[in-house]
PDB file of N, CA and C in Angstrom:
ATOM      1  N   MET A   1      89.371  87.741  75.465  1.00  0.00           N
ATOM      2  CA  MET A   1      90.480  88.303  74.717  1.00  0.00           C
ATOM      3  C   MET A   1      91.244  87.156  74.075  1.00  0.00           C
ATOM      4  N   GLU A   2      91.449  87.262  72.792  1.00  0.00           N
ATOM      5  CA  GLU A   2      92.159  86.233  72.050  1.00  0.00           C
ATOM      6  C   GLU A   2      93.661  86.451  72.170  1.00  0.00           C
ATOM      7  N   VAL A   3      94.396  85.358  72.323  1.00  0.00           N
ATOM      8  CA  VAL A   3      95.836  85.428  72.518  1.00  0.00           C
ATOM      9  C   VAL A   3      96.547  85.055  71.225  1.00  0.00           C
ATOM     10  N   ASN A   4      97.509  85.878  70.813  1.00  0.00           N
ATOM     11  CA  ASN A   4      98.345  85.591  69.655  1.00  0.00           C
ATOM     12  C   ASN A   4      99.376  84.549  70.096  1.00  0.00           C
ATOM     13  N   GLU A   5      99.317  83.376  69.514  1.00  0.00           N
ATOM     14  CA  GLU A   5     100.165  82.266  69.958  1.00  0.00           C
ATOM     15  C   GLU A   5     101.665  82.547  69.777  1.00  0.00           C
ATOM     16  N   GLU A   6     102.056  83.211  68.683  1.00  0.00           N
ATOM     17  CA  GLU A   6     103.471  83.535  68.473  1.00  0.00           C
ATOM     18  C   GLU A   6     103.989  84.448  69.577  1.00  0.00           C
ATOM     19  N   LYS A   7     103.195  85.477  69.883  1.00  0.00           N
ATOM     20  CA  LYS A   7     103.600  86.420  70.933  1.00  0.00           C
ATOM     21  C   LYS A   7     103.602  85.749  72.296  1.00  0.00           C
ATOM     22  N   ARG A   8     102.676  84.819  72.500  1.00  0.00           N
ATOM     23  CA  ARG A   8     102.629  84.115  73.786  1.00  0.00           C
ATOM     24  C   ARG A   8     103.862  83.236  73.969  1.00  0.00           C
ATOM     25  N   VAL A   9     104.268  82.542  72.921  1.00  0.00           N
ATOM     26  CA  VAL A   9     105.465  81.695  72.988  1.00  0.00           C
ATOM     27  C   VAL A   9     106.685  82.557  73.311  1.00  0.00           C
ATOM     28  N   LYS A  10     106.781  83.707  72.646  1.00  0.00           N
ATOM     29  CA  LYS A  10     107.888  84.634  72.888  1.00  0.00           C
ATOM     30  C   LYS A  10     107.859  85.132  74.336  1.00  0.00           C
ATOM     31  N   PHE A  11     106.646  85.455  74.824  1.00  0.00           N
ATOM     32  CA  PHE A  11     106.498  85.900  76.208  1.00  0.00           C
ATOM     33  C   PHE A  11     106.944  84.812  77.173  1.00  0.00           C
ATOM     34  N   MET A  12     106.460  83.601  76.960  1.00  0.00           N
ATOM     35  CA  MET A  12     106.789  82.486  77.856  1.00  0.00           C
ATOM     36  C   MET A  12     108.298  82.258  77.918  1.00  0.00           C
ATOM     37  N   GLU A  13     108.948  82.353  76.791  1.00  0.00           N
ATOM     38  CA  GLU A  13     110.393  82.137  76.736  1.00  0.00           C
ATOM     39  C   GLU A  13     111.136  83.233  77.501  1.00  0.00           C
ATOM     40  N   ASN A  14     110.842  84.487  77.179  1.00  0.00           N
ATOM     41  CA  ASN A  14     111.559  85.599  77.819  1.00  0.00           C
ATOM     42  C   ASN A  14     111.173  85.780  79.280  1.00  0.00           C
ATOM     43  N   ALA A  15     109.892  85.654  79.584  1.00  0.00           N
ATOM     44  CA  ALA A  15     109.459  85.796  80.981  1.00  0.00           C
ATOM     45  C   ALA A  15     110.059  84.683  81.824  1.00  0.00           C
ATOM     46  N   GLY A  16     110.098  83.494  81.285  1.00  0.00           N
ATOM     47  CA  GLY A  16     110.691  82.376  82.030  1.00  0.00           C
ATOM     48  C   GLY A  16     112.139  82.648  82.392  1.00  0.00           C
ATOM     49  N   LYS A  17     112.905  83.135  81.420  1.00  0.00           N
ATOM     50  CA  LYS A  17     114.315  83.450  81.671  1.00  0.00           C
ATOM     51  C   LYS A  17     114.448  84.540  82.734  1.00  0.00           C
ATOM     52  N   ARG A  18     113.645  85.594  82.613  1.00  0.00           N
ATOM     53  CA  ARG A  18     113.756  86.726  83.527  1.00  0.00           C
ATOM     54  C   ARG A  18     113.303  86.362  84.934  1.00  0.00           C
ATOM     55  N   VAL A  19     112.227  85.599  85.036  1.00  0.00           N
ATOM     56  CA  VAL A  19     111.755  85.182  86.365  1.00  0.00           C
ATOM     57  C   VAL A  19     112.795  84.280  87.023  1.00  0.00           C
ATOM     58  N   ASN A  20     113.378  83.390  86.254  1.00  0.00           N
ATOM     59  CA  ASN A  20     114.423  82.526  86.822  1.00  0.00           C
ATOM     60  C   ASN A  20     115.615  83.339  87.310  1.00  0.00           C
ATOM     61  N   LYS A  21     115.971  84.382  86.574  1.00  0.00           N
ATOM     62  CA  LYS A  21     117.083  85.242  86.992  1.00  0.00           C
ATOM     63  C   LYS A  21     116.745  85.965  88.297  1.00  0.00           C
ATOM     64  N   VAL A  22     115.520  86.501  88.383  1.00  0.00           N
ATOM     65  CA  VAL A  22     115.092  87.191  89.608  1.00  0.00           C
ATOM     66  C   VAL A  22     115.087  86.213  90.776  1.00  0.00           C
ATOM     67  N   MET A  23     114.557  85.025  90.551  1.00  0.00           N
ATOM     68  CA  MET A  23     114.518  84.021  91.625  1.00  0.00           C
ATOM     69  C   MET A  23     115.932  83.641  92.060  1.00  0.00           C
ATOM     70  N   HIS A  24     116.843  83.530  91.115  1.00  0.00           N
ATOM     71  CA  HIS A  24     118.233  83.226  91.450  1.00  0.00           C
ATOM     72  C   HIS A  24     118.823  84.331  92.317  1.00  0.00           C
ATOM     73  N   ASP A  25     118.584  85.583  91.914  1.00  0.00           N
ATOM     74  CA  ASP A  25     119.121  86.711  92.681  1.00  0.00           C
ATOM     75  C   ASP A  25     118.555  86.746  94.096  1.00  0.00           C
ATOM     76  N   ILE A  26     117.297  86.386  94.238  1.00  0.00           N
ATOM     77  CA  ILE A  26     116.708  86.321  95.581  1.00  0.00           C
ATOM     78  C   ILE A  26     117.338  85.183  96.377  1.00  0.00           C
ATOM     79  N   GLN A  27     117.529  84.058  95.725  1.00  0.00           N
ATOM     80  CA  GLN A  27     118.110  82.895  96.409  1.00  0.00           C
ATOM     81  C   GLN A  27     119.531  83.163  96.901  1.00  0.00           C
ATOM     82  N   ILE A  28     120.285  84.000  96.184  1.00  0.00           N
ATOM     83  CA  ILE A  28     121.661  84.256  96.645  1.00  0.00           C
ATOM     84  C   ILE A  28     121.681  85.247  97.808  1.00  0.00           C
ATOM     85  N   LEU A  29     120.542  85.830  98.130  1.00  0.00           N
ATOM     86  CA  LEU A  29     120.456  86.638  99.346  1.00  0.00           C
ATOM     87  C   LEU A  29     120.400  85.758 100.598  1.00  0.00           C
ATOM     88  N   GLU A  30     119.797  84.596 100.479  1.00  0.00           N
ATOM     89  CA  GLU A  30     119.581  83.719 101.632  1.00  0.00           C
ATOM     90  C   GLU A  30     120.861  83.402 102.421  1.00  0.00           C
ATOM     91  N   PRO A  31     121.962  83.057 101.769  1.00  0.00           N
ATOM     92  CA  PRO A  31     123.176  82.738 102.554  1.00  0.00           C
ATOM     93  C   PRO A  31     123.666  83.932 103.392  1.00  0.00           C
ATOM     94  N   MET A  32     123.331  85.149 102.967  1.00  0.00           N
ATOM     95  CA  MET A  32     123.730  86.322 103.740  1.00  0.00           C
ATOM     96  C   MET A  32     123.087  86.300 105.127  1.00  0.00           C
ATOM     97  N   ALA A  33     121.882  85.747 105.217  1.00  0.00           N
ATOM     98  CA  ALA A  33     121.171  85.677 106.494  1.00  0.00           C
ATOM     99  C   ALA A  33     121.843  84.704 107.454  1.00  0.00           C
ATOM    100  N   ARG A  34     122.521  83.696 106.941  1.00  0.00           N
ATOM    101  CA  ARG A  34     123.151  82.671 107.776  1.00  0.00           C
ATOM    102  C   ARG A  34     124.642  82.925 108.017  1.00  0.00           C
ATOM    103  N   SER A  35     125.199  83.887 107.309  1.00  0.00           N
ATOM    104  CA  SER A  35     126.644  84.125 107.371  1.00  0.00           C
ATOM    105  C   SER A  35     127.017  84.962 108.586  1.00  0.00           C
ATOM    106  N   SER A  36     128.187  84.634 109.153  1.00  0.00           N
ATOM    107  CA  SER A  36     128.699  85.434 110.277  1.00  0.00           C
ATOM    108  C   SER A  36     129.503  86.632 109.753  1.00  0.00           C
ATOM    109  N   VAL A  37     129.626  86.737 108.445  1.00  0.00           N
ATOM    110  CA  VAL A  37     130.363  87.827 107.821  1.00  0.00           C
ATOM    111  C   VAL A  37     129.539  89.123 107.844  1.00  0.00           C
ATOM    112  N   TYR A  38     128.244  88.981 107.886  1.00  0.00           N
ATOM    113  CA  TYR A  38     127.358  90.144 107.805  1.00  0.00           C
ATOM    114  C   TYR A  38     126.646  90.373 109.128  1.00  0.00           C
ATOM    115  N   ASP A  39     126.354  91.628 109.396  1.00  0.00           N
ATOM    116  CA  ASP A  39     125.540  91.981 110.557  1.00  0.00           C
ATOM    117  C   ASP A  39     124.453  92.933 110.075  1.00  0.00           C
ATOM    118  N   PHE A  40     123.242  92.734 110.524  1.00  0.00           N
ATOM    119  CA  PHE A  40     122.113  93.545 110.062  1.00  0.00           C
ATOM    120  C   PHE A  40     121.054  93.583 111.151  1.00  0.00           C
ATOM    121  N   THR A  41     120.169  94.569 111.039  1.00  0.00           N
ATOM    122  CA  THR A  41     119.079  94.706 112.001  1.00  0.00           C
ATOM    123  C   THR A  41     117.781  94.222 111.351  1.00  0.00           C
ATOM    124  N   LYS A  42     116.782  94.069 112.202  1.00  0.00           N
ATOM    125  CA  LYS A  42     115.469  93.689 111.677  1.00  0.00           C
ATOM    126  C   LYS A  42     114.962  94.789 110.738  1.00  0.00           C
ATOM    127  N   GLY A  43     115.237  96.046 111.066  1.00  0.00           N
ATOM    128  CA  GLY A  43     114.846  97.167 110.211  1.00  0.00           C
ATOM    129  C   GLY A  43     115.505  97.091 108.852  1.00  0.00           C
ATOM    130  N   ASP A  44     116.765  96.674 108.800  1.00  0.00           N
ATOM    131  CA  ASP A  44     117.468  96.516 107.521  1.00  0.00           C
ATOM    132  C   ASP A  44     116.753  95.483 106.639  1.00  0.00           C
ATOM    133  N   VAL A  45     116.381  94.368 107.275  1.00  0.00           N
ATOM    134  CA  VAL A  45     115.717  93.292 106.537  1.00  0.00           C
ATOM    135  C   VAL A  45     114.347  93.771 106.037  1.00  0.00           C
ATOM    136  N   GLU A  46     113.599  94.463 106.913  1.00  0.00           N
ATOM    137  CA  GLU A  46     112.278  94.979 106.518  1.00  0.00           C
ATOM    138  C   GLU A  46     112.402  95.950 105.352  1.00  0.00           C
ATOM    139  N   GLU A  47     113.377  96.845 105.423  1.00  0.00           N
ATOM    140  CA  GLU A  47     113.578  97.834 104.365  1.00  0.00           C
ATOM    141  C   GLU A  47     113.915  97.157 103.038  1.00  0.00           C
ATOM    142  N   MET A  48     114.767  96.155 103.106  1.00  0.00           N
ATOM    143  CA  MET A  48     115.199  95.438 101.921  1.00  0.00           C
ATOM    144  C   MET A  48     114.015  94.706 101.262  1.00  0.00           C
ATOM    145  N   PHE A  49     113.227  94.000 102.069  1.00  0.00           N
ATOM    146  CA  PHE A  49     112.111  93.239 101.516  1.00  0.00           C
ATOM    147  C   PHE A  49     110.948  94.141 101.103  1.00  0.00           C
ATOM    148  N   LEU A  50     110.782  95.270 101.779  1.00  0.00           N
ATOM    149  CA  LEU A  50     109.770  96.235 101.379  1.00  0.00           C
ATOM    150  C   LEU A  50     110.090  96.783  99.986  1.00  0.00           C
ATOM    151  N   ALA A  51     111.354  97.102  99.746  1.00  0.00           N
ATOM    152  CA  ALA A  51     111.766  97.609  98.432  1.00  0.00           C
ATOM    153  C   ALA A  51     111.517  96.567  97.345  1.00  0.00           C
ATOM    154  N   MET A  52     111.826  95.316  97.638  1.00  0.00           N
ATOM    155  CA  MET A  52     111.595  94.260  96.643  1.00  0.00           C
ATOM    156  C   MET A  52     110.106  94.055  96.406  1.00  0.00           C
ATOM    157  N   GLN A  53     109.297  94.110  97.490  1.00  0.00           N
ATOM    158  CA  GLN A  53     107.862  93.917  97.352  1.00  0.00           C
ATOM    159  C   GLN A  53     107.229  95.050  96.545  1.00  0.00           C
ATOM    160  N   GLU A  54     107.690  96.275  96.773  1.00  0.00           N
ATOM    161  CA  GLU A  54     107.178  97.411  96.005  1.00  0.00           C
ATOM    162  C   GLU A  54     107.496  97.250  94.525  1.00  0.00           C
ATOM    163  N   SER A  55     108.693  96.761  94.217  1.00  0.00           N
ATOM    164  CA  SER A  55     109.054  96.521  92.816  1.00  0.00           C
ATOM    165  C   SER A  55     108.180  95.433  92.203  1.00  0.00           C
ATOM    166  N   LEU A  56     107.917  94.384  92.962  1.00  0.00           N
ATOM    167  CA  LEU A  56     107.037  93.321  92.476  1.00  0.00           C
ATOM    168  C   LEU A  56     105.622  93.853  92.234  1.00  0.00           C
ATOM    169  N   ASN A  57     105.128  94.653  93.178  1.00  0.00           N
ATOM    170  CA  ASN A  57     103.778  95.204  93.044  1.00  0.00           C
ATOM    171  C   ASN A  57     103.670  96.100  91.812  1.00  0.00           C
ATOM    172  N   THR A  58     104.695  96.916  91.573  1.00  0.00           N
ATOM    173  CA  THR A  58     104.696  97.809  90.411  1.00  0.00           C
ATOM    174  C   THR A  58     104.697  97.005  89.116  1.00  0.00           C
ATOM    175  N   ALA A  59     105.540  95.985  89.059  1.00  0.00           N
ATOM    176  CA  ALA A  59     105.611  95.150  87.855  1.00  0.00           C
ATOM    177  C   ALA A  59     104.290  94.422  87.627  1.00  0.00           C
ATOM    178  N   LYS A  60     103.718  93.892  88.700  1.00  0.00           N
ATOM    179  CA  LYS A  60     102.449  93.174  88.573  1.00  0.00           C
ATOM    180  C   LYS A  60     101.345  94.112  88.098  1.00  0.00           C
ATOM    181  N   ALA A  61     101.321  95.339  88.611  1.00  0.00           N
ATOM    182  CA  ALA A  61     100.314  96.325  88.209  1.00  0.00           C
ATOM    183  C   ALA A  61     100.398  96.611  86.711  1.00  0.00           C
ATOM    184  N   GLU A  62     101.600  96.655  86.179  1.00  0.00           N
ATOM    185  CA  GLU A  62     101.775  96.880  84.741  1.00  0.00           C
ATOM    186  C   GLU A  62     101.161  95.741  83.936  1.00  0.00           C
ATOM    187  N   PHE A  63     101.345  94.504  84.400  1.00  0.00           N
ATOM    188  CA  PHE A  63     100.756  93.363  83.702  1.00  0.00           C
ATOM    189  C   PHE A  63      99.239  93.388  83.814  1.00  0.00           C
ATOM    190  N   GLU A  64      98.730  93.767  84.968  1.00  0.00           N
ATOM    191  CA  GLU A  64      97.279  93.761  85.191  1.00  0.00           C
ATOM    192  C   GLU A  64      96.559  94.849  84.409  1.00  0.00           C
ATOM    193  N   LYS A  65      97.277  95.890  83.974  1.00  0.00           N
ATOM    194  CA  LYS A  65      96.653  96.945  83.173  1.00  0.00           C
ATOM    195  C   LYS A  65      96.017  96.381  81.910  1.00  0.00           C
ATOM    196  N   LYS A  66      96.630  95.350  81.359  1.00  0.00           N
ATOM    197  CA  LYS A  66      96.103  94.744  80.140  1.00  0.00           C
ATOM    198  C   LYS A  66      94.691  94.212  80.386  1.00  0.00           C
ATOM    199  N   PHE A  67      94.470  93.656  81.569  1.00  0.00           N
ATOM    200  CA  PHE A  67      93.164  93.089  81.879  1.00  0.00           C
ATOM    201  C   PHE A  67      92.185  94.162  82.321  1.00  0.00           C
ATOM    202  N   GLU A  68      92.678  95.249  82.896  1.00  0.00           N
ATOM    203  CA  GLU A  68      91.818  96.364  83.292  1.00  0.00           C
ATOM    204  C   GLU A  68      91.251  97.046  82.059  1.00  0.00           C
ATOM    205  N   GLU A  69      92.035  97.123  80.976  1.00  0.00           N
ATOM    206  CA  GLU A  69      91.547  97.708  79.735  1.00  0.00           C
ATOM    207  C   GLU A  69      90.366  96.908  79.216  1.00  0.00           C
ATOM    208  N   LYS A  70      90.412  95.597  79.369  1.00  0.00           N
ATOM    209  CA  LYS A  70      89.299  94.754  78.955  1.00  0.00           C
ATOM    210  C   LYS A  70      88.084  95.091  79.807  1.00  0.00           C
ATOM    211  N   THR A  71      88.287  95.274  81.078  1.00  0.00           N
ATOM    212  CA  THR A  71      87.189  95.613  81.978  1.00  0.00           C
ATOM    213  C   THR A  71      86.588  96.955  81.594  1.00  0.00           C
ATOM    214  N   LYS A  72      87.432  97.932  81.247  1.00  0.00           N
ATOM    215  CA  LYS A  72      86.929  99.233  80.825  1.00  0.00           C
ATOM    216  C   LYS A  72      86.087  99.091  79.565  1.00  0.00           C
ATOM    217  N   ALA A  73      86.512  98.230  78.659  1.00  0.00           N
ATOM    218  CA  ALA A  73      85.774  98.030  77.423  1.00  0.00           C
ATOM    219  C   ALA A  73      84.410  97.414  77.710  1.00  0.00           C
ATOM    220  N   GLU A  74      84.309  96.661  78.794  1.00  0.00           N
ATOM    221  CA  GLU A  74      83.052  96.047  79.181  1.00  0.00           C
ATOM    222  C   GLU A  74      82.446  96.823  80.343  1.00  0.00           C
ATOM    223  N   ARG A  75      82.511  98.147  80.273  1.00  0.00           N
ATOM    224  CA  ARG A  75      81.999  98.964  81.365  1.00  0.00           C
ATOM    225  C   ARG A  75      80.518  98.711  81.565  1.00  0.00           C
ATOM    226  N   ARG A  76      80.053  99.022  82.750  1.00  0.00           N
ATOM    227  CA  ARG A  76      78.678  98.762  83.111  1.00  0.00           C
ATOM    228  C   ARG A  76      77.804  99.990  82.848  1.00  0.00           C
ATOM    229  N   LEU A  77      76.581  99.756  82.457  1.00  0.00           N
ATOM    230  CA  LEU A  77      75.619 100.815  82.215  1.00  0.00           C
ATOM    231  C   LEU A  77      74.419 100.604  83.116  1.00  0.00           C
ATOM    232  N   PHE A  78      73.757 101.697  83.465  1.00  0.00           N
ATOM    233  CA  PHE A  78      72.565 101.637  84.287  1.00  0.00           C
ATOM    234  C   PHE A  78      71.356 102.031  83.459  1.00  0.00           C
ATOM    235  N   SER A  79      70.266 101.340  83.688  1.00  0.00           N
ATOM    236  CA  SER A  79      69.012 101.703  83.062  1.00  0.00           C
ATOM    237  C   SER A  79      67.905 101.369  84.051  1.00  0.00           C
ATOM    238  N   PHE A  80      66.948 102.268  84.232  1.00  0.00           N
ATOM    239  CA  PHE A  80      65.845 102.007  85.148  1.00  0.00           C
ATOM    240  C   PHE A  80      65.086 100.771  84.711  1.00  0.00           C
ATOM    241  N   GLY A  81      64.689  99.980  85.681  1.00  0.00           N
ATOM    242  CA  GLY A  81      63.891  98.800  85.395  1.00  0.00           C
ATOM    243  C   GLY A  81      64.699  97.565  85.073  1.00  0.00           C
ATOM    244  N   THR A  82      66.025  97.683  85.092  1.00  0.00           N
ATOM    245  CA  THR A  82      66.867  96.523  84.820  1.00  0.00           C
ATOM    246  C   THR A  82      68.008  96.506  85.807  1.00  0.00           C
ATOM    247  N   ASN A  83      68.686  95.399  85.862  1.00  0.00           N
ATOM    248  CA  ASN A  83      69.933  95.342  86.613  1.00  0.00           C
ATOM    249  C   ASN A  83      71.003  96.049  85.804  1.00  0.00           C
ATOM    250  N   VAL A  84      72.101  96.379  86.442  1.00  0.00           N
ATOM    251  CA  VAL A  84      73.226  96.977  85.732  1.00  0.00           C
ATOM    252  C   VAL A  84      73.757  95.941  84.749  1.00  0.00           C
ATOM    253  N   VAL A  85      74.026  96.376  83.508  1.00  0.00           N
ATOM    254  CA  VAL A  85      74.484  95.452  82.471  1.00  0.00           C
ATOM    255  C   VAL A  85      75.759  95.972  81.843  1.00  0.00           C
ATOM    256  N   SER A  86      76.547  95.074  81.281  1.00  0.00           N
ATOM    257  CA  SER A  86      77.755  95.502  80.589  1.00  0.00           C
ATOM    258  C   SER A  86      77.388  96.000  79.202  1.00  0.00           C
ATOM    259  N   VAL A  87      78.300  96.747  78.608  1.00  0.00           N
ATOM    260  CA  VAL A  87      78.072  97.263  77.264  1.00  0.00           C
ATOM    261  C   VAL A  87      77.867  96.101  76.301  1.00  0.00           C
ATOM    262  N   ALA A  88      78.635  95.037  76.479  1.00  0.00           N
ATOM    263  CA  ALA A  88      78.500  93.878  75.607  1.00  0.00           C
ATOM    264  C   ALA A  88      77.103  93.275  75.723  1.00  0.00           C
ATOM    265  N   GLU A  89      76.511  93.357  76.919  1.00  0.00           N
ATOM    266  CA  GLU A  89      75.171  92.834  77.125  1.00  0.00           C
ATOM    267  C   GLU A  89      74.111  93.866  76.763  1.00  0.00           C
ATOM    268  N   ASN A  90      74.533  95.070  76.434  1.00  0.00           N
ATOM    269  CA  ASN A  90      73.600  96.179  76.258  1.00  0.00           C
ATOM    270  C   ASN A  90      72.588  95.934  75.147  1.00  0.00           C
ATOM    271  N   ASN A  91      73.028  95.309  74.051  1.00  0.00           N
ATOM    272  CA  ASN A  91      72.088  95.041  72.962  1.00  0.00           C
ATOM    273  C   ASN A  91      70.960  94.140  73.440  1.00  0.00           C
ATOM    274  N   ASN A  92      71.317  93.087  74.158  1.00  0.00           N
ATOM    275  CA  ASN A  92      70.296  92.213  74.719  1.00  0.00           C
ATOM    276  C   ASN A  92      69.501  92.951  75.784  1.00  0.00           C
ATOM    277  N   ALA A  93      70.182  93.817  76.526  1.00  0.00           N
ATOM    278  CA  ALA A  93      69.540  94.552  77.600  1.00  0.00           C
ATOM    279  C   ALA A  93      68.505  95.520  77.051  1.00  0.00           C
ATOM    280  N   SER A  94      68.767  96.086  75.875  1.00  0.00           N
ATOM    281  CA  SER A  94      67.790  97.007  75.283  1.00  0.00           C
ATOM    282  C   SER A  94      66.465  96.303  75.088  1.00  0.00           C
ATOM    283  N   ASN A  95      66.535  95.067  74.603  1.00  0.00           N
ATOM    284  CA  ASN A  95      65.313  94.290  74.443  1.00  0.00           C
ATOM    285  C   ASN A  95      64.694  93.998  75.800  1.00  0.00           C
ATOM    286  N   THR A  96      65.542  93.680  76.781  1.00  0.00           N
ATOM    287  CA  THR A  96      65.065  93.403  78.131  1.00  0.00           C
ATOM    288  C   THR A  96      64.428  94.645  78.741  1.00  0.00           C
ATOM    289  N   VAL A  97      65.072  95.796  78.538  1.00  0.00           N
ATOM    290  CA  VAL A  97      64.538  97.053  79.066  1.00  0.00           C
ATOM    291  C   VAL A  97      63.175  97.317  78.464  1.00  0.00           C
ATOM    292  N   GLN A  98      63.047  97.135  77.156  1.00  0.00           N
ATOM    293  CA  GLN A  98      61.763  97.366  76.506  1.00  0.00           C
ATOM    294  C   GLN A  98      60.712  96.425  77.062  1.00  0.00           C
ATOM    295  N   ALA A  99      61.064  95.171  77.237  1.00  0.00           N
ATOM    296  CA  ALA A  99      60.121  94.199  77.797  1.00  0.00           C
ATOM    297  C   ALA A  99      59.748  94.586  79.228  1.00  0.00           C
ATOM    298  N   GLN A 100      60.748  94.996  80.014  1.00  0.00           N
ATOM    299  CA  GLN A 100      60.490  95.406  81.395  1.00  0.00           C
ATOM    300  C   GLN A 100      59.611  96.653  81.424  1.00  0.00           C
ATOM    301  N   ASN A 101      59.866  97.602  80.527  1.00  0.00           N
ATOM    302  CA  ASN A 101      59.033  98.798  80.449  1.00  0.00           C
ATOM    303  C   ASN A 101      57.589  98.432  80.112  1.00  0.00           C
ATOM    304  N   ASN A 102      57.430  97.469  79.190  1.00  0.00           N
ATOM    305  CA  ASN A 102      56.080  97.016  78.851  1.00  0.00           C
ATOM    306  C   ASN A 102      55.383  96.422  80.069  1.00  0.00           C
ATOM    307  N   VAL A 103      56.116  95.623  80.843  1.00  0.00           N
ATOM    308  CA  VAL A 103      55.557  95.036  82.071  1.00  0.00           C
ATOM    309  C   VAL A 103      55.209  96.140  83.061  1.00  0.00           C
ATOM    310  N   ASN A 104      56.111  97.131  83.203  1.00  0.00           N
ATOM    311  CA  ASN A 104      55.848  98.236  84.126  1.00  0.00           C
ATOM    312  C   ASN A 104      54.592  98.999  83.719  1.00  0.00           C
ATOM    313  N   VAL A 105      54.425  99.238  82.413  1.00  0.00           N
ATOM    314  CA  VAL A 105      53.234  99.940  81.920  1.00  0.00           C
ATOM    315  C   VAL A 105      51.995  99.111  82.219  1.00  0.00           C
ATOM    316  N   GLN A 106      52.071  97.813  81.967  1.00  0.00           N
ATOM    317  CA  GLN A 106      50.930  96.939  82.240  1.00  0.00           C
ATOM    318  C   GLN A 106      50.600  96.939  83.733  1.00  0.00           C
ATOM    319  N   ASN A 107      51.641  96.871  84.573  1.00  0.00           N
ATOM    320  CA  ASN A 107      51.420  96.896  86.020  1.00  0.00           C
ATOM    321  C   ASN A 107      50.804  98.223  86.448  1.00  0.00           C
ATOM    322  N   ARG A 108      51.300  99.312  85.882  1.00  0.00           N
ATOM    323  CA  ARG A 108      50.768 100.630  86.214  1.00  0.00           C
ATOM    324  C   ARG A 108      49.299 100.723  85.820  1.00  0.00           C
ATOM    325  N   GLU A 109      48.954 100.209  84.622  1.00  0.00           N
ATOM    326  CA  GLU A 109      47.567 100.224  84.181  1.00  0.00           C
ATOM    327  C   GLU A 109      46.690  99.385  85.104  1.00  0.00           C
ATOM    328  N   THR A 110      47.202  98.243  85.541  1.00  0.00           N
ATOM    329  CA  THR A 110      46.459  97.386  86.459  1.00  0.00           C
ATOM    330  C   THR A 110      46.236  98.096  87.787  1.00  0.00           C
ATOM    331  N   VAL A 111      47.263  98.766  88.286  1.00  0.00           N
ATOM    332  CA  VAL A 111      47.140  99.509  89.536  1.00  0.00           C
ATOM    333  C   VAL A 111      46.112 100.621  89.373  1.00  0.00           C
ATOM    334  N   GLU A 112      46.178 101.347  88.256  1.00  0.00           N
ATOM    335  CA  GLU A 112      45.221 102.429  88.015  1.00  0.00           C
ATOM    336  C   GLU A 112      43.795 101.882  87.936  1.00  0.00           C
ATOM    337  N   GLU A 113      43.601 100.742  87.276  1.00  0.00           N
ATOM    338  CA  GLU A 113      42.276 100.135  87.192  1.00  0.00           C
ATOM    339  C   GLU A 113      41.784  99.731  88.571  1.00  0.00           C
ATOM    340  N   THR A 114      42.701  99.209  89.397  1.00  0.00           N
ATOM    341  CA  THR A 114      42.343  98.812  90.758  1.00  0.00           C
ATOM    342  C   THR A 114      41.947 100.024  91.582  1.00  0.00           C
ATOM    343  N   VAL A 115      42.693 101.109  91.439  1.00  0.00           N
ATOM    344  CA  VAL A 115      42.382 102.336  92.172  1.00  0.00           C
ATOM    345  C   VAL A 115      41.004 102.852  91.755  1.00  0.00           C
ATOM    346  N   VAL A 116      40.735 102.869  90.468  1.00  0.00           N
ATOM    347  CA  VAL A 116      39.439 103.327  89.970  1.00  0.00           C
ATOM    348  C   VAL A 116      38.336 102.418  90.501  1.00  0.00           C
ATOM    349  N   ALA A 117      38.554 101.110  90.449  1.00  0.00           N
ATOM    350  CA  ALA A 117      37.548 100.163  90.933  1.00  0.00           C
ATOM    351  C   ALA A 117      37.302 100.369  92.422  1.00  0.00           C
ATOM    352  N   ASN A 118      38.366 100.556  93.192  1.00  0.00           N
ATOM    353  CA  ASN A 118      38.225 100.787  94.636  1.00  0.00           C
ATOM    354  C   ASN A 118      37.496 102.093  94.901  1.00  0.00           C
ATOM    355  N   ALA A 119      37.778 103.103  94.094  1.00  0.00           N
ATOM    356  CA  ALA A 119      37.095 104.386  94.257  1.00  0.00           C
ATOM    357  C   ALA A 119      35.602 104.206  94.011  1.00  0.00           C
ATOM    358  N   ASN A 120      35.248 103.411  93.012  1.00  0.00           N
ATOM    359  CA  ASN A 120      33.836 103.152  92.728  1.00  0.00           C
ATOM    360  C   ASN A 120      33.181 102.382  93.865  1.00  0.00           C
ATOM    361  N   VAL A 121      33.905 101.437  94.449  1.00  0.00           N
ATOM    362  CA  VAL A 121      33.383 100.676  95.584  1.00  0.00           C
ATOM    363  C   VAL A 121      33.158 101.610  96.756  1.00  0.00           C
ATOM    364  N   GLU A 122      34.074 102.520  97.020  1.00  0.00           N
ATOM    365  CA  GLU A 122      33.929 103.468  98.116  1.00  0.00           C
ATOM    366  C   GLU A 122      32.710 104.358  97.886  1.00  0.00           C
ATOM    367  N   ASP A 123      32.502 104.762  96.626  1.00  0.00           N
ATOM    368  CA  ASP A 123      31.336 105.558  96.311  1.00  0.00           C
ATOM    369  C   ASP A 123      30.054 104.793  96.622  1.00  0.00           C
ATOM    370  N   ILE A 124      30.062 103.525  96.312  1.00  0.00           N
ATOM    371  CA  ILE A 124      28.891 102.687  96.551  1.00  0.00           C
ATOM    372  C   ILE A 124      28.654 102.525  98.037  1.00  0.00           C
ATOM    373  N   THR A 125      29.723 102.378  98.833  1.00  0.00           N
ATOM    374  CA  THR A 125      29.549 102.177 100.277  1.00  0.00           C
ATOM    375  C   THR A 125      29.065 103.438 100.959  1.00  0.00           C
ATOM    376  N   ASP A 126      29.284 104.581 100.346  1.00  0.00           N
ATOM    377  CA  ASP A 126      28.825 105.838 100.928  1.00  0.00           C
ATOM    378  C   ASP A 126      27.317 106.037 100.685  1.00  0.00           C
ATOM    379  N   ILE A 127      26.768 105.297  99.770  1.00  0.00           N
ATOM    380  CA  ILE A 127      25.344 105.428  99.457  1.00  0.00           C
ATOM    381  C   ILE A 127      24.550 104.805 100.605  1.00  0.00           C
ATOM    382  N   GLU A 128      23.585 105.533 101.073  1.00  0.00           N
ATOM    383  CA  GLU A 128      22.729 105.023 102.155  1.00  0.00           C
ATOM    384  C   GLU A 128      21.665 104.111 101.550  1.00  0.00           C
ATOM    385  N   LEU A 129      21.485 103.000 102.201  1.00  0.00           N
ATOM    386  CA  LEU A 129      20.472 102.070 101.713  1.00  0.00           C
ATOM    387  C   LEU A 129      19.187 102.263 102.437  1.00  0.00           C
TER     388      LEU A 129
END
């Protein structure tokens, strides 16, 4: 995926500011843990950090959707006689499939010739000398 440099610069600038703000807000929570002004339970702390983690996970999932769309575009296809290939590889795979099919046909013909030859040998061994 090609990146638009103007949009990337804009992203870096705004994301940097926002991440720094979030990090600052998290950092100002720390003194609350050491202060005698506040009283809290372990459950309170777990609930608080669980809520923050869920928000982080949701935000991260939104960013990852962009890359999942790329994966969908490169979805995998199945064809007998080949490994699973991506759509992007499909054009090359078509040639590979045809080549593999040709090999399979040749192998099948060889097996059939062997079976016929073995059948003839069995016929010969049944003949009394």
